[in-house]
Amino acid sequence: MTSLTAKLWATDTSTLAIVHTSLKPVIAVFVGGIAGSAARIGIALVAGRFDDYWWPYPTLVVNLVGSFVLGYLVARRMSSAPTWMRLGVTTGFLGA
């Protein structure tokens, strides 16, 4: 099985070098970001039904809950997970 790689051209002082980068983390952040954005929109739509407040409370609640979940996962649960999974969940889903 071949690894999923992309060839990126980068200038290295005066020479042109090929840098191999795995696409798994990029795809994980992309998919996690889409899922996180969809979750945020869903929460905003549900909270919008109770639209009698002047402050954006759904955004505040989502940000606070997301930061606590992020701290918990990083400190307790994600240490043994693969890098691409950590990036997808933390940067992608919870960072969206």
Protein backbone atom coordinates (compact mmCIF):
# COMPACT_ATOMS: atom_id res chain seq x y z
CA MET A 1 0.00 0.00 0.00
CA THR A 2 1.46 3.34 -0.98
CA SER A 3 1.30 6.34 1.26
CA LEU A 4 -0.77 9.29 0.23
CA THR A 5 1.72 12.01 -0.64
CA ALA A 6 1.81 15.24 -2.55
CA LYS A 7 4.82 16.78 -4.21
CA LEU A 8 5.20 20.43 -3.40
CA TRP A 9 7.83 22.60 -5.01
CA ALA A 10 9.76 24.74 -2.57
CA THR A 11 12.70 27.02 -3.14
CA ASP A 12 15.67 26.21 -0.99
CA THR A 13 18.05 29.19 -1.21
CA SER A 14 19.09 28.87 -4.84
CA THR A 15 17.88 25.35 -5.69
CA LEU A 16 14.45 23.90 -6.31
CA ALA A 17 13.61 21.01 -3.98
CA ILE A 18 10.71 18.57 -3.83
CA VAL A 19 9.07 18.27 -0.43
CA HIS A 20 6.91 15.21 0.28
CA THR A 21 3.95 15.89 2.54
CA SER A 22 1.30 13.45 3.66
CA LEU A 23 -2.22 14.48 2.69
CA LYS A 24 -3.91 12.61 5.56
CA PRO A 25 -3.65 15.53 8.03
CA VAL A 26 -4.85 18.02 5.42
CA ILE A 27 -7.85 15.87 4.52
CA ALA A 28 -8.61 15.23 8.21
CA VAL A 29 -8.62 18.96 9.01
CA PHE A 30 -10.76 19.64 5.93
CA VAL A 31 -13.36 16.98 6.80
CA GLY A 32 -13.30 17.92 10.49
CA GLY A 33 -13.79 21.57 9.60
CA ILE A 34 -16.79 20.78 7.43
CA ALA A 35 -18.34 18.67 10.20
CA GLY A 36 -17.60 21.31 12.84
CA SER A 37 -19.09 24.08 10.71
CA ALA A 38 -22.21 22.00 10.07
CA ALA A 39 -22.55 21.34 13.81
CA ARG A 40 -22.16 25.05 14.60
CA ILE A 41 -24.79 25.98 12.01
CA GLY A 42 -27.15 23.32 13.36
CA ILE A 43 -26.77 24.63 16.90
CA ALA A 44 -27.33 28.20 15.71
CA LEU A 45 -30.49 27.16 13.84
CA VAL A 46 -31.89 25.35 16.88
CA ALA A 47 -31.00 28.26 19.17
CA GLY A 48 -32.44 30.72 16.66
CA ARG A 49 -35.91 29.46 17.50
CA PHE A 50 -35.48 31.09 20.91
CA ASP A 51 -34.45 34.43 19.45
CA ASP A 52 -35.42 36.72 22.31
CA TYR A 53 -31.92 37.69 23.42
CA TRP A 54 -29.71 40.58 22.38
CA TRP A 55 -26.36 38.79 22.85
CA PRO A 56 -25.17 35.89 20.61
CA TYR A 57 -25.39 33.31 23.39
CA PRO A 58 -25.23 30.26 21.09
CA THR A 59 -21.82 31.38 19.82
CA LEU A 60 -20.58 31.98 23.36
CA VAL A 61 -21.83 28.58 24.55
CA VAL A 62 -20.38 26.72 21.55
CA ASN A 63 -17.00 28.41 22.00
CA LEU A 64 -16.86 27.72 25.75
CA VAL A 65 -17.95 24.09 25.44
CA GLY A 66 -15.59 23.55 22.50
CA SER A 67 -12.62 24.95 24.40
CA PHE A 68 -13.29 22.74 27.43
CA VAL A 69 -13.74 19.66 25.23
CA LEU A 70 -10.55 20.55 23.35
CA GLY A 71 -8.60 20.86 26.61
CA TYR A 72 -9.97 17.57 27.91
CA LEU A 73 -9.23 15.66 24.71
CA VAL A 74 -5.71 17.01 24.37
CA ALA A 75 -4.87 16.39 28.02
CA ARG A 76 -6.53 13.02 28.52
CA ARG A 77 -7.66 11.21 25.39
CA MET A 78 -5.74 12.15 22.27
CA SER A 79 -2.16 11.40 23.31
CA SER A 80 -2.09 7.97 21.68
CA ALA A 81 -4.17 8.88 18.62
CA PRO A 82 -2.48 9.25 15.23
CA THR A 83 -1.43 12.77 14.27
CA TRP A 84 -3.95 13.06 11.46
CA MET A 85 -6.79 12.12 13.81
CA ARG A 86 -5.68 14.61 16.46
CA LEU A 87 -5.54 17.35 13.84
CA GLY A 88 -8.92 16.42 12.38
CA VAL A 89 -10.69 16.45 15.73
CA THR A 90 -8.93 19.37 17.42
CA THR A 91 -8.05 21.79 14.63
CA GLY A 92 -10.75 20.66 12.21
CA PHE A 93 -13.91 19.87 14.16
CA LEU A 94 -13.42 21.79 17.40
CA GLY A 95 -11.61 24.67 15.74
CA ALA A 96 -14.35 25.36 13.20
